[in-house]
Amino acid sequence: MITARERQENLRFVSAVKTAFRRLEDSVKGGDSSAIETAHKSLVSRIDKAVKSGALHRNSGSRKKSRAARVRSRLS
């Protein structure tokens, strides 16, 4: 079924975004600035790909990128 395949694809995109966000948070906790930048860049890329494919709404993608920027700026 086409819809089942598309649903699985969308879930893969969303799951990848969530995983990348967790990696960003872990990098911020670790405090390594190069790892933080790499994780943030990867997360933004995954969000953009998910929005482009239609797995995420563009406003939802913007909200997630904004949240990621706030997390990155904490640098705790």
N, C-alpha and C. Protein backbone atom coordinates (compact mmCIF):
# COMPACT_ATOMS: atom_id res chain seq x y z
N MET A 1 0.83 -1.19 0.00
CA MET A 1 0.00 0.00 0.00
C MET A 1 0.88 1.25 0.00
N ILE A 2 0.48 2.18 -0.78
CA ILE A 2 1.25 3.42 -0.91
C ILE A 2 1.17 4.25 0.37
N THR A 3 -0.02 4.34 0.95
CA THR A 3 -0.18 5.18 2.14
C THR A 3 0.63 4.65 3.31
N ALA A 4 0.71 3.33 3.44
CA ALA A 4 1.47 2.74 4.52
C ALA A 4 2.95 3.04 4.35
N ARG A 5 3.43 2.96 3.11
CA ARG A 5 4.84 3.26 2.84
C ARG A 5 5.13 4.73 3.13
N GLU A 6 4.24 5.62 2.70
CA GLU A 6 4.43 7.05 2.94
C GLU A 6 4.38 7.37 4.43
N ARG A 7 3.51 6.70 5.16
CA ARG A 7 3.42 6.92 6.60
C ARG A 7 4.72 6.52 7.29
N GLN A 8 5.27 5.38 6.89
CA GLN A 8 6.54 4.93 7.45
C GLN A 8 7.67 5.91 7.13
N GLU A 9 7.64 6.45 5.91
CA GLU A 9 8.65 7.42 5.52
C GLU A 9 8.54 8.69 6.37
N ASN A 10 7.32 9.15 6.59
CA ASN A 10 7.11 10.34 7.41
C ASN A 10 7.56 10.09 8.85
N LEU A 11 7.27 8.91 9.38
CA LEU A 11 7.70 8.58 10.73
C LEU A 11 9.22 8.54 10.84
N ARG A 12 9.88 8.06 9.77
CA ARG A 12 11.35 8.05 9.76
C ARG A 12 11.91 9.47 9.84
N PHE A 13 11.32 10.39 9.08
CA PHE A 13 11.77 11.78 9.10
C PHE A 13 11.58 12.40 10.48
N VAL A 14 10.40 12.21 11.06
CA VAL A 14 10.10 12.79 12.36
C VAL A 14 10.99 12.19 13.45
N SER A 15 11.21 10.89 13.38
CA SER A 15 12.06 10.22 14.35
C SER A 15 13.50 10.73 14.25
N ALA A 16 13.98 10.95 13.03
CA ALA A 16 15.34 11.46 12.84
C ALA A 16 15.48 12.85 13.44
N VAL A 17 14.45 13.66 13.33
CA VAL A 17 14.48 15.00 13.92
C VAL A 17 14.55 14.90 15.43
N LYS A 18 13.75 14.03 16.02
CA LYS A 18 13.75 13.87 17.48
C LYS A 18 15.11 13.37 17.98
N THR A 19 15.70 12.42 17.26
CA THR A 19 16.99 11.89 17.64
C THR A 19 18.07 12.97 17.56
N ALA A 20 18.03 13.75 16.49
CA ALA A 20 19.02 14.83 16.32
C ALA A 20 18.86 15.87 17.43
N PHE A 21 17.62 16.12 17.85
CA PHE A 21 17.40 17.08 18.93
C PHE A 21 17.98 16.57 20.24
N ARG A 22 17.81 15.28 20.50
CA ARG A 22 18.40 14.69 21.71
C ARG A 22 19.92 14.78 21.68
N ARG A 23 20.50 14.55 20.51
CA ARG A 23 21.96 14.66 20.38
C ARG A 23 22.42 16.08 20.64
N LEU A 24 21.65 17.07 20.18
CA LEU A 24 22.00 18.46 20.45
C LEU A 24 21.96 18.74 21.94
N GLU A 25 20.91 18.28 22.61
CA GLU A 25 20.81 18.49 24.05
C GLU A 25 21.97 17.82 24.79
N ASP A 26 22.35 16.61 24.38
CA ASP A 26 23.48 15.92 25.01
C ASP A 26 24.78 16.67 24.78
N SER A 27 24.94 17.23 23.58
CA SER A 27 26.15 18.01 23.28
C SER A 27 26.22 19.25 24.14
N VAL A 28 25.07 19.89 24.36
CA VAL A 28 25.04 21.09 25.19
C VAL A 28 25.41 20.73 26.62
N LYS A 29 24.91 19.60 27.10
CA LYS A 29 25.26 19.16 28.45
C LYS A 29 26.75 18.86 28.56
N GLY A 30 27.33 18.32 27.47
CA GLY A 30 28.75 18.01 27.46
C GLY A 30 29.61 19.26 27.43
N GLY A 31 29.13 20.31 26.77
CA GLY A 31 29.84 21.58 26.76
C GLY A 31 30.87 21.74 25.65
N ASP A 32 31.02 20.77 24.77
CA ASP A 32 31.98 20.87 23.68
C ASP A 32 31.38 21.71 22.55
N SER A 33 31.93 22.89 22.32
CA SER A 33 31.30 23.83 21.38
C SER A 33 31.32 23.32 19.94
N SER A 34 32.37 22.59 19.54
CA SER A 34 32.39 22.08 18.16
C SER A 34 31.33 20.99 17.97
N ALA A 35 31.13 20.16 19.00
CA ALA A 35 30.09 19.13 18.93
C ALA A 35 28.70 19.76 18.91
N ILE A 36 28.55 20.85 19.64
CA ILE A 36 27.26 21.56 19.67
C ILE A 36 26.94 22.12 18.29
N GLU A 37 27.91 22.76 17.66
CA GLU A 37 27.70 23.33 16.32
C GLU A 37 27.38 22.24 15.30
N THR A 38 28.09 21.13 15.37
CA THR A 38 27.85 20.02 14.45
C THR A 38 26.45 19.44 14.65
N ALA A 39 26.06 19.24 15.90
CA ALA A 39 24.74 18.69 16.19
C ALA A 39 23.64 19.65 15.75
N HIS A 40 23.85 20.95 15.96
CA HIS A 40 22.84 21.93 15.57
C HIS A 40 22.69 21.98 14.06
N LYS A 41 23.80 21.95 13.35
CA LYS A 41 23.76 21.97 11.88
C LYS A 41 23.03 20.73 11.34
N SER A 42 23.32 19.58 11.93
CA SER A 42 22.68 18.34 11.53
C SER A 42 21.17 18.39 11.79
N LEU A 43 20.80 18.93 12.95
CA LEU A 43 19.38 19.02 13.30
C LEU A 43 18.64 19.93 12.34
N VAL A 44 19.20 21.09 12.04
CA VAL A 44 18.53 22.03 11.13
C VAL A 44 18.38 21.40 9.75
N SER A 45 19.40 20.67 9.31
CA SER A 45 19.33 20.00 8.02
C SER A 45 18.21 18.96 8.00
N ARG A 46 18.11 18.18 9.07
CA ARG A 46 17.06 17.15 9.14
C ARG A 46 15.67 17.78 9.18
N ILE A 47 15.55 18.89 9.89
CA ILE A 47 14.26 19.57 9.95
C ILE A 47 13.87 20.08 8.56
N ASP A 48 14.82 20.69 7.87
CA ASP A 48 14.55 21.20 6.53
C ASP A 48 14.14 20.09 5.57
N LYS A 49 14.81 18.94 5.67
CA LYS A 49 14.46 17.81 4.81
C LYS A 49 13.06 17.29 5.13
N ALA A 50 12.72 17.24 6.41
CA ALA A 50 11.39 16.77 6.81
C ALA A 50 10.30 17.72 6.31
N VAL A 51 10.57 19.02 6.38
CA VAL A 51 9.60 20.00 5.89
C VAL A 51 9.46 19.89 4.37
N LYS A 52 10.59 19.75 3.69
CA LYS A 52 10.57 19.65 2.23
C LYS A 52 9.79 18.44 1.76
N SER A 53 9.91 17.33 2.49
CA SER A 53 9.20 16.11 2.08
C SER A 53 7.73 16.12 2.49
N GLY A 54 7.36 17.04 3.38
CA GLY A 54 5.97 17.11 3.81
C GLY A 54 5.70 16.36 5.10
N ALA A 55 6.74 15.80 5.71
CA ALA A 55 6.55 15.06 6.96
C ALA A 55 6.25 16.02 8.11
N LEU A 56 6.77 17.25 8.03
CA LEU A 56 6.50 18.28 9.02
C LEU A 56 5.91 19.50 8.32
N HIS A 57 5.00 20.16 8.99
CA HIS A 57 4.49 21.44 8.48
C HIS A 57 5.58 22.49 8.62
N ARG A 58 5.60 23.47 7.73
CA ARG A 58 6.70 24.44 7.78
C ARG A 58 6.71 25.26 9.05
N ASN A 59 5.54 25.56 9.62
CA ASN A 59 5.52 26.29 10.88
C ASN A 59 6.08 25.44 12.02
N SER A 60 5.78 24.17 11.98
CA SER A 60 6.31 23.24 12.98
C SER A 60 7.83 23.15 12.85
N GLY A 61 8.31 23.12 11.63
CA GLY A 61 9.75 23.10 11.40
C GLY A 61 10.41 24.36 11.92
N SER A 62 9.79 25.50 11.68
CA SER A 62 10.34 26.77 12.17
C SER A 62 10.37 26.80 13.69
N ARG A 63 9.33 26.27 14.31
CA ARG A 63 9.27 26.23 15.77
C ARG A 63 10.38 25.35 16.33
N LYS A 64 10.62 24.22 15.69
CA LYS A 64 11.67 23.31 16.15
C LYS A 64 13.05 23.93 15.96
N LYS A 65 13.26 24.65 14.86
CA LYS A 65 14.56 25.30 14.65
C LYS A 65 14.78 26.41 15.67
N SER A 66 13.72 27.13 16.01
CA SER A 66 13.82 28.19 17.01
C SER A 66 14.17 27.60 18.37
N ARG A 67 13.51 26.50 18.71
CA ARG A 67 13.78 25.83 19.97
C ARG A 67 15.22 25.32 20.01
N ALA A 68 15.70 24.80 18.88
CA ALA A 68 17.07 24.31 18.81
C ALA A 68 18.06 25.45 19.00
N ALA A 69 17.77 26.62 18.45
CA ALA A 69 18.65 27.77 18.61
C ALA A 69 18.71 28.20 20.07
N ARG A 70 17.57 28.13 20.76
CA ARG A 70 17.55 28.47 22.20
C ARG A 70 18.39 27.48 22.99
N VAL A 71 18.26 26.21 22.67
CA VAL A 71 19.03 25.17 23.37
C VAL A 71 20.52 25.38 23.10
N ARG A 72 20.87 25.68 21.86
CA ARG A 72 22.28 25.89 21.51
C ARG A 72 22.85 27.08 22.25
N SER A 73 22.06 28.11 22.42
CA SER A 73 22.56 29.33 23.05
C SER A 73 22.76 29.17 24.56
N ARG A 74 22.15 28.15 25.15
CA ARG A 74 22.34 27.91 26.59
C ARG A 74 23.79 27.61 26.93
N LEU A 75 24.39 26.72 26.13
CA LEU A 75 25.78 26.33 26.33
C LEU A 75 26.15 26.09 27.78
N SER A 76 25.28 25.37 28.47
CA SER A 76 25.53 25.10 29.89
C SER A 76 26.63 24.13 30.05
